[in-house]
Amino acid sequence: MASITLKGLPDELKTRLEEIADRERRSINQQAILLLEQAVREEPDGFKRAYRRFRKRRGTSPLKKGDLEGLRSKDIGRKVNL
């Protein structure tokens, strides 16, 4: 089996890893492997999926279809006179 060395591991992260490993009755190494396996197994959300989750938590959007039509990226952040 392969092995790796983590350099620059923040003290807080190591402490947290030790706490979780102790609570779960695993070695730090076993816990780190488990967490890495879980992290790489998960598929990152695409925009549509993340937006649907956001809308589910926050409710419907106040924007109507076409509200942003014609808006260009260079216009974002500019003041608009209404």
PDB file of N, CA and C in Angstrom:
ATOM      1  N   MET A   1       0.823  -1.182   0.000  1.00  0.00           N
ATOM      2  CA  MET A   1       0.000   0.000   0.000  1.00  0.00           C
ATOM      3  C   MET A   1       0.861   1.237   0.000  1.00  0.00           C
ATOM      4  N   ALA A   2       0.346   2.266  -0.627  1.00  0.00           N
ATOM      5  CA  ALA A   2       1.069   3.530  -0.709  1.00  0.00           C
ATOM      6  C   ALA A   2       0.928   4.317   0.591  1.00  0.00           C
ATOM      7  N   SER A   3       1.818   5.250   0.776  1.00  0.00           N
ATOM      8  CA  SER A   3       1.714   6.130   1.936  1.00  0.00           C
ATOM      9  C   SER A   3       2.027   7.555   1.490  1.00  0.00           C
ATOM     10  N   ILE A   4       1.527   8.522   2.260  1.00  0.00           N
ATOM     11  CA  ILE A   4       1.802   9.931   1.979  1.00  0.00           C
ATOM     12  C   ILE A   4       2.169  10.624   3.278  1.00  0.00           C
ATOM     13  N   THR A   5       2.848  11.740   3.141  1.00  0.00           N
ATOM     14  CA  THR A   5       3.165  12.590   4.274  1.00  0.00           C
ATOM     15  C   THR A   5       2.503  13.928   4.025  1.00  0.00           C
ATOM     16  N   LEU A   6       1.788  14.433   5.007  1.00  0.00           N
ATOM     17  CA  LEU A   6       1.148  15.737   4.874  1.00  0.00           C
ATOM     18  C   LEU A   6       2.025  16.780   5.552  1.00  0.00           C
ATOM     19  N   LYS A   7       2.487  17.716   4.766  1.00  0.00           N
ATOM     20  CA  LYS A   7       3.313  18.795   5.314  1.00  0.00           C
ATOM     21  C   LYS A   7       2.454  20.030   5.489  1.00  0.00           C
ATOM     22  N   GLY A   8       2.735  20.779   6.526  1.00  0.00           N
ATOM     23  CA  GLY A   8       2.010  22.024   6.760  1.00  0.00           C
ATOM     24  C   GLY A   8       0.596  21.821   7.278  1.00  0.00           C
ATOM     25  N   LEU A   9       0.334  20.687   7.898  1.00  0.00           N
ATOM     26  CA  LEU A   9      -0.986  20.412   8.446  1.00  0.00           C
ATOM     27  C   LEU A   9      -1.238  21.358   9.624  1.00  0.00           C
ATOM     28  N   PRO A  10      -2.276  22.180   9.536  1.00  0.00           N
ATOM     29  CA  PRO A  10      -2.547  23.117  10.637  1.00  0.00           C
ATOM     30  C   PRO A  10      -2.829  22.364  11.941  1.00  0.00           C
ATOM     31  N   ASP A  11      -2.353  22.932  13.038  1.00  0.00           N
ATOM     32  CA  ASP A  11      -2.541  22.309  14.348  1.00  0.00           C
ATOM     33  C   ASP A  11      -4.010  22.062  14.660  1.00  0.00           C
ATOM     34  N   GLU A  12      -4.881  23.029  14.317  1.00  0.00           N
ATOM     35  CA  GLU A  12      -6.316  22.878  14.583  1.00  0.00           C
ATOM     36  C   GLU A  12      -6.894  21.678  13.841  1.00  0.00           C
ATOM     37  N   LEU A  13      -6.461  21.472  12.608  1.00  0.00           N
ATOM     38  CA  LEU A  13      -6.953  20.347  11.816  1.00  0.00           C
ATOM     39  C   LEU A  13      -6.489  19.023  12.416  1.00  0.00           C
ATOM     40  N   LYS A  14      -5.245  18.973  12.832  1.00  0.00           N
ATOM     41  CA  LYS A  14      -4.718  17.749  13.452  1.00  0.00           C
ATOM     42  C   LYS A  14      -5.461  17.447  14.751  1.00  0.00           C
ATOM     43  N   THR A  15      -5.700  18.468  15.540  1.00  0.00           N
ATOM     44  CA  THR A  15      -6.427  18.291  16.794  1.00  0.00           C
ATOM     45  C   THR A  15      -7.833  17.782  16.535  1.00  0.00           C
ATOM     46  N   ARG A  16      -8.499  18.372  15.557  1.00  0.00           N
ATOM     47  CA  ARG A  16      -9.861  17.951  15.213  1.00  0.00           C
ATOM     48  C   ARG A  16      -9.876  16.502  14.728  1.00  0.00           C
ATOM     49  N   LEU A  17      -8.910  16.142  13.907  1.00  0.00           N
ATOM     50  CA  LEU A  17      -8.794  14.778  13.407  1.00  0.00           C
ATOM     51  C   LEU A  17      -8.580  13.800  14.557  1.00  0.00           C
ATOM     52  N   GLU A  18      -7.735  14.178  15.499  1.00  0.00           N
ATOM     53  CA  GLU A  18      -7.492  13.332  16.678  1.00  0.00           C
ATOM     54  C   GLU A  18      -8.767  13.159  17.498  1.00  0.00           C
ATOM     55  N   GLU A  19      -9.530  14.241  17.669  1.00  0.00           N
ATOM     56  CA  GLU A  19     -10.772  14.169  18.442  1.00  0.00           C
ATOM     57  C   GLU A  19     -11.780  13.234  17.786  1.00  0.00           C
ATOM     58  N   ILE A  20     -11.935  13.370  16.468  1.00  0.00           N
ATOM     59  CA  ILE A  20     -12.887  12.517  15.748  1.00  0.00           C
ATOM     60  C   ILE A  20     -12.435  11.058  15.815  1.00  0.00           C
ATOM     61  N   ALA A  21     -11.151  10.825  15.576  1.00  0.00           N
ATOM     62  CA  ALA A  21     -10.622   9.463  15.606  1.00  0.00           C
ATOM     63  C   ALA A  21     -10.831   8.835  16.985  1.00  0.00           C
ATOM     64  N   ASP A  22     -10.587   9.594  18.027  1.00  0.00           N
ATOM     65  CA  ASP A  22     -10.769   9.086  19.384  1.00  0.00           C
ATOM     66  C   ASP A  22     -12.236   8.741  19.646  1.00  0.00           C
ATOM     67  N   ARG A  23     -13.119   9.647  19.239  1.00  0.00           N
ATOM     68  CA  ARG A  23     -14.551   9.418  19.438  1.00  0.00           C
ATOM     69  C   ARG A  23     -15.037   8.191  18.663  1.00  0.00           C
ATOM     70  N   GLU A  24     -14.499   7.986  17.461  1.00  0.00           N
ATOM     71  CA  GLU A  24     -14.911   6.865  16.609  1.00  0.00           C
ATOM     72  C   GLU A  24     -14.092   5.593  16.859  1.00  0.00           C
ATOM     73  N   ARG A  25     -13.154   5.687  17.809  1.00  0.00           N
ATOM     74  CA  ARG A  25     -12.286   4.555  18.170  1.00  0.00           C
ATOM     75  C   ARG A  25     -11.482   4.034  16.989  1.00  0.00           C
ATOM     76  N   ARG A  26     -10.881   4.997  16.281  1.00  0.00           N
ATOM     77  CA  ARG A  26      -9.997   4.679  15.160  1.00  0.00           C
ATOM     78  C   ARG A  26      -8.657   5.348  15.415  1.00  0.00           C
ATOM     79  N   SER A  27      -7.656   4.869  14.696  1.00  0.00           N
ATOM     80  CA  SER A  27      -6.375   5.572  14.734  1.00  0.00           C
ATOM     81  C   SER A  27      -6.523   6.831  13.884  1.00  0.00           C
ATOM     82  N   ILE A  28      -5.611   7.756  14.067  1.00  0.00           N
ATOM     83  CA  ILE A  28      -5.629   8.972  13.246  1.00  0.00           C
ATOM     84  C   ILE A  28      -5.493   8.595  11.774  1.00  0.00           C
ATOM     85  N   ASN A  29      -4.639   7.645  11.479  1.00  0.00           N
ATOM     86  CA  ASN A  29      -4.430   7.201  10.104  1.00  0.00           C
ATOM     87  C   ASN A  29      -5.721   6.626   9.512  1.00  0.00           C
ATOM     88  N   GLN A  30      -6.410   5.746  10.266  1.00  0.00           N
ATOM     89  CA  GLN A  30      -7.666   5.160   9.784  1.00  0.00           C
ATOM     90  C   GLN A  30      -8.713   6.242   9.539  1.00  0.00           C
ATOM     91  N   GLN A  31      -8.785   7.197  10.444  1.00  0.00           N
ATOM     92  CA  GLN A  31      -9.768   8.271  10.310  1.00  0.00           C
ATOM     93  C   GLN A  31      -9.460   9.144   9.105  1.00  0.00           C
ATOM     94  N   ALA A  32      -8.192   9.466   8.905  1.00  0.00           N
ATOM     95  CA  ALA A  32      -7.797  10.286   7.754  1.00  0.00           C
ATOM     96  C   ALA A  32      -8.129   9.577   6.443  1.00  0.00           C
ATOM     97  N   ILE A  33      -7.866   8.285   6.381  1.00  0.00           N
ATOM     98  CA  ILE A  33      -8.175   7.519   5.169  1.00  0.00           C
ATOM     99  C   ILE A  33      -9.681   7.514   4.915  1.00  0.00           C
ATOM    100  N   LEU A  34     -10.469   7.277   5.962  1.00  0.00           N
ATOM    101  CA  LEU A  34     -11.918   7.267   5.824  1.00  0.00           C
ATOM    102  C   LEU A  34     -12.430   8.609   5.293  1.00  0.00           C
ATOM    103  N   LEU A  35     -11.954   9.699   5.871  1.00  0.00           N
ATOM    104  CA  LEU A  35     -12.403  11.027   5.445  1.00  0.00           C
ATOM    105  C   LEU A  35     -11.965  11.342   4.016  1.00  0.00           C
ATOM    106  N   LEU A  36     -10.760  10.948   3.663  1.00  0.00           N
ATOM    107  CA  LEU A  36     -10.304  11.152   2.281  1.00  0.00           C
ATOM    108  C   LEU A  36     -11.146  10.343   1.297  1.00  0.00           C
ATOM    109  N   GLU A  37     -11.449   9.092   1.651  1.00  0.00           N
ATOM    110  CA  GLU A  37     -12.292   8.259   0.792  1.00  0.00           C
ATOM    111  C   GLU A  37     -13.658   8.895   0.590  1.00  0.00           C
ATOM    112  N   GLN A  38     -14.242   9.403   1.654  1.00  0.00           N
ATOM    113  CA  GLN A  38     -15.560  10.051   1.543  1.00  0.00           C
ATOM    114  C   GLN A  38     -15.487  11.297   0.671  1.00  0.00           C
ATOM    115  N   ALA A  39     -14.430  12.069   0.833  1.00  0.00           N
ATOM    116  CA  ALA A  39     -14.294  13.320   0.079  1.00  0.00           C
ATOM    117  C   ALA A  39     -14.145  13.072  -1.416  1.00  0.00           C
ATOM    118  N   VAL A  40     -13.354  12.093  -1.798  1.00  0.00           N
ATOM    119  CA  VAL A  40     -13.136  11.871  -3.229  1.00  0.00           C
ATOM    120  C   VAL A  40     -14.279  11.075  -3.860  1.00  0.00           C
ATOM    121  N   ARG A  41     -15.080  10.412  -3.056  1.00  0.00           N
ATOM    122  CA  ARG A  41     -16.224   9.665  -3.571  1.00  0.00           C
ATOM    123  C   ARG A  41     -17.360  10.601  -3.962  1.00  0.00           C
ATOM    124  N   GLU A  42     -17.509  11.706  -3.257  1.00  0.00           N
ATOM    125  CA  GLU A  42     -18.604  12.640  -3.503  1.00  0.00           C
ATOM    126  C   GLU A  42     -18.392  13.392  -4.805  1.00  0.00           C
ATOM    127  N   GLU A  43     -19.461  13.520  -5.549  1.00  0.00           N
ATOM    128  CA  GLU A  43     -19.422  14.300  -6.784  1.00  0.00           C
ATOM    129  C   GLU A  43     -19.731  15.751  -6.444  1.00  0.00           C
ATOM    130  N   PRO A  44     -18.926  16.676  -6.944  1.00  0.00           N
ATOM    131  CA  PRO A  44     -19.236  18.080  -6.687  1.00  0.00           C
ATOM    132  C   PRO A  44     -20.537  18.468  -7.400  1.00  0.00           C
ATOM    133  N   ASP A  45     -21.275  19.374  -6.801  1.00  0.00           N
ATOM    134  CA  ASP A  45     -22.516  19.841  -7.404  1.00  0.00           C
ATOM    135  C   ASP A  45     -22.247  20.685  -8.635  1.00  0.00           C
ATOM    136  N   GLY A  46     -23.052  20.478  -9.632  1.00  0.00           N
ATOM    137  CA  GLY A  46     -23.061  21.391 -10.763  1.00  0.00           C
ATOM    138  C   GLY A  46     -23.865  22.618 -10.353  1.00  0.00           C
ATOM    139  N   PHE A  47     -23.863  23.648 -11.162  1.00  0.00           N
ATOM    140  CA  PHE A  47     -24.568  24.884 -10.817  1.00  0.00           C
ATOM    141  C   PHE A  47     -26.058  24.636 -10.640  1.00  0.00           C
ATOM    142  N   LYS A  48     -26.681  23.902 -11.567  1.00  0.00           N
ATOM    143  CA  LYS A  48     -28.131  23.699 -11.494  1.00  0.00           C
ATOM    144  C   LYS A  48     -28.533  22.980 -10.210  1.00  0.00           C
ATOM    145  N   ARG A  49     -27.775  21.959  -9.856  1.00  0.00           N
ATOM    146  CA  ARG A  49     -28.095  21.200  -8.645  1.00  0.00           C
ATOM    147  C   ARG A  49     -27.893  22.066  -7.395  1.00  0.00           C
ATOM    148  N   ALA A  50     -26.808  22.814  -7.361  1.00  0.00           N
ATOM    149  CA  ALA A  50     -26.544  23.689  -6.219  1.00  0.00           C
ATOM    150  C   ALA A  50     -27.615  24.777  -6.117  1.00  0.00           C
ATOM    151  N   TYR A  51     -28.035  25.317  -7.255  1.00  0.00           N
ATOM    152  CA  TYR A  51     -29.052  26.375  -7.262  1.00  0.00           C
ATOM    153  C   TYR A  51     -30.397  25.821  -6.782  1.00  0.00           C
ATOM    154  N   ARG A  52     -30.760  24.607  -7.218  1.00  0.00           N
ATOM    155  CA  ARG A  52     -32.015  23.996  -6.768  1.00  0.00           C
ATOM    156  C   ARG A  52     -31.999  23.796  -5.249  1.00  0.00           C
ATOM    157  N   ARG A  53     -30.855  23.331  -4.709  1.00  0.00           N
ATOM    158  CA  ARG A  53     -30.741  23.162  -3.264  1.00  0.00           C
ATOM    159  C   ARG A  53     -30.869  24.494  -2.541  1.00  0.00           C
ATOM    160  N   PHE A  54     -30.235  25.529  -3.107  1.00  0.00           N
ATOM    161  CA  PHE A  54     -30.297  26.873  -2.530  1.00  0.00           C
ATOM    162  C   PHE A  54     -31.741  27.369  -2.516  1.00  0.00           C
ATOM    163  N   ARG A  55     -32.440  27.226  -3.638  1.00  0.00           N
ATOM    164  CA  ARG A  55     -33.832  27.678  -3.742  1.00  0.00           C
ATOM    165  C   ARG A  55     -34.729  26.904  -2.792  1.00  0.00           C
ATOM    166  N   LYS A  56     -34.458  25.626  -2.610  1.00  0.00           N
ATOM    167  CA  LYS A  56     -35.251  24.805  -1.701  1.00  0.00           C
ATOM    168  C   LYS A  56     -35.129  25.327  -0.268  1.00  0.00           C
ATOM    169  N   ARG A  57     -33.918  25.743   0.105  1.00  0.00           N
ATOM    170  CA  ARG A  57     -33.693  26.269   1.455  1.00  0.00           C
ATOM    171  C   ARG A  57     -34.204  27.695   1.607  1.00  0.00           C
ATOM    172  N   ARG A  58     -34.049  28.519   0.563  1.00  0.00           N
ATOM    173  CA  ARG A  58     -34.333  29.953   0.671  1.00  0.00           C
ATOM    174  C   ARG A  58     -35.671  30.389   0.090  1.00  0.00           C
ATOM    175  N   GLY A  59     -36.346  29.496  -0.604  1.00  0.00           N
ATOM    176  CA  GLY A  59     -37.627  29.874  -1.207  1.00  0.00           C
ATOM    177  C   GLY A  59     -37.431  30.308  -2.648  1.00  0.00           C
ATOM    178  N   THR A  60     -38.529  30.703  -3.247  1.00  0.00           N
ATOM    179  CA  THR A  60     -38.481  31.066  -4.664  1.00  0.00           C
ATOM    180  C   THR A  60     -37.749  32.385  -4.876  1.00  0.00           C
ATOM    181  N   SER A  61     -37.251  32.562  -6.057  1.00  0.00           N
ATOM    182  CA  SER A  61     -36.507  33.772  -6.402  1.00  0.00           C
ATOM    183  C   SER A  61     -37.467  34.935  -6.629  1.00  0.00           C
ATOM    184  N   PRO A  62     -37.089  36.133  -6.197  1.00  0.00           N
ATOM    185  CA  PRO A  62     -37.938  37.298  -6.467  1.00  0.00           C
ATOM    186  C   PRO A  62     -37.828  37.754  -7.927  1.00  0.00           C
ATOM    187  N   LEU A  63     -36.863  37.230  -8.649  1.00  0.00           N
ATOM    188  CA  LEU A  63     -36.687  37.613 -10.047  1.00  0.00           C
ATOM    189  C   LEU A  63     -37.681  36.878 -10.930  1.00  0.00           C
ATOM    190  N   LYS A  64     -38.082  37.547 -11.975  1.00  0.00           N
ATOM    191  CA  LYS A  64     -38.963  36.946 -12.964  1.00  0.00           C
ATOM    192  C   LYS A  64     -38.147  36.607 -14.197  1.00  0.00           C
ATOM    193  N   LYS A  65     -38.664  35.695 -14.985  1.00  0.00           N
ATOM    194  CA  LYS A  65     -37.983  35.319 -16.216  1.00  0.00           C
ATOM    195  C   LYS A  65     -37.815  36.571 -17.078  1.00  0.00           C
ATOM    196  N   GLY A  66     -36.606  36.809 -17.518  1.00  0.00           N
ATOM    197  CA  GLY A  66     -36.320  37.972 -18.362  1.00  0.00           C
ATOM    198  C   GLY A  66     -35.811  39.180 -17.597  1.00  0.00           C
ATOM    199  N   ASP A  67     -35.857  39.159 -16.248  1.00  0.00           N
ATOM    200  CA  ASP A  67     -35.379  40.305 -15.461  1.00  0.00           C
ATOM    201  C   ASP A  67     -33.916  40.626 -15.743  1.00  0.00           C
ATOM    202  N   LEU A  68     -33.138  39.627 -16.019  1.00  0.00           N
ATOM    203  CA  LEU A  68     -31.706  39.842 -16.233  1.00  0.00           C
ATOM    204  C   LEU A  68     -31.334  39.846 -17.709  1.00  0.00           C
ATOM    205  N   GLU A  69     -32.333  39.797 -18.562  1.00  0.00           N
ATOM    206  CA  GLU A  69     -32.070  39.779 -19.996  1.00  0.00           C
ATOM    207  C   GLU A  69     -31.317  41.031 -20.408  1.00  0.00           C
ATOM    208  N   GLY A  70     -30.299  40.851 -21.183  1.00  0.00           N
ATOM    209  CA  GLY A  70     -29.510  41.973 -21.670  1.00  0.00           C
ATOM    210  C   GLY A  70     -28.404  42.398 -20.721  1.00  0.00           C
ATOM    211  N   LEU A  71     -28.397  41.872 -19.539  1.00  0.00           N
ATOM    212  CA  LEU A  71     -27.354  42.203 -18.575  1.00  0.00           C
ATOM    213  C   LEU A  71     -26.062  41.524 -18.986  1.00  0.00           C
ATOM    214  N   ARG A  72     -25.009  42.288 -19.025  1.00  0.00           N
ATOM    215  CA  ARG A  72     -23.701  41.748 -19.397  1.00  0.00           C
ATOM    216  C   ARG A  72     -22.823  41.709 -18.158  1.00  0.00           C
ATOM    217  N   SER A  73     -21.808  40.850 -18.184  1.00  0.00           N
ATOM    218  CA  SER A  73     -20.946  40.702 -17.009  1.00  0.00           C
ATOM    219  C   SER A  73     -20.270  42.013 -16.646  1.00  0.00           C
ATOM    220  N   LYS A  74     -19.995  42.877 -17.642  1.00  0.00           N
ATOM    221  CA  LYS A  74     -19.339  44.153 -17.325  1.00  0.00           C
ATOM    222  C   LYS A  74     -20.286  45.114 -16.597  1.00  0.00           C
ATOM    223  N   ASP A  75     -21.609  44.829 -16.648  1.00  0.00           N
ATOM    224  CA  ASP A  75     -22.595  45.675 -15.979  1.00  0.00           C
ATOM    225  C   ASP A  75     -22.758  45.329 -14.509  1.00  0.00           C
ATOM    226  N   ILE A  76     -22.339  44.158 -14.115  1.00  0.00           N
ATOM    227  CA  ILE A  76     -22.511  43.715 -12.735  1.00  0.00           C
ATOM    228  C   ILE A  76     -21.704  44.621 -11.802  1.00  0.00           C
ATOM    229  N   GLY A  77     -22.365  45.105 -10.780  1.00  0.00           N
ATOM    230  CA  GLY A  77     -21.703  45.965  -9.805  1.00  0.00           C
ATOM    231  C   GLY A  77     -21.874  47.446 -10.104  1.00  0.00           C
ATOM    232  N   ARG A  78     -22.384  47.795 -11.286  1.00  0.00           N
ATOM    233  CA  ARG A  78     -22.616  49.198 -11.610  1.00  0.00           C
ATOM    234  C   ARG A  78     -23.946  49.653 -11.016  1.00  0.00           C
ATOM    235  N   LYS A  79     -24.022  50.944 -10.668  1.00  0.00           N
ATOM    236  CA  LYS A  79     -25.277  51.497 -10.177  1.00  0.00           C
ATOM    237  C   LYS A  79     -26.245  51.602 -11.341  1.00  0.00           C
ATOM    238  N   VAL A  80     -27.479  51.310 -11.037  1.00  0.00           N
ATOM    239  CA  VAL A  80     -28.524  51.373 -12.053  1.00  0.00           C
ATOM    240  C   VAL A  80     -29.539  52.398 -11.606  1.00  0.00           C
ATOM    241  N   ASN A  81     -29.875  53.328 -12.472  1.00  0.00           N
ATOM    242  CA  ASN A  81     -30.908  54.323 -12.158  1.00  0.00           C
ATOM    243  C   ASN A  81     -32.261  53.748 -12.506  1.00  0.00           C
ATOM    244  N   LEU A  82     -33.096  53.628 -11.483  1.00  0.00           N
ATOM    245  CA  LEU A  82     -34.433  53.075 -11.703  1.00  0.00           C
ATOM    246  C   LEU A  82     -35.472  54.154 -11.667  1.00  0.00           C
TER     247      LEU A  82
END
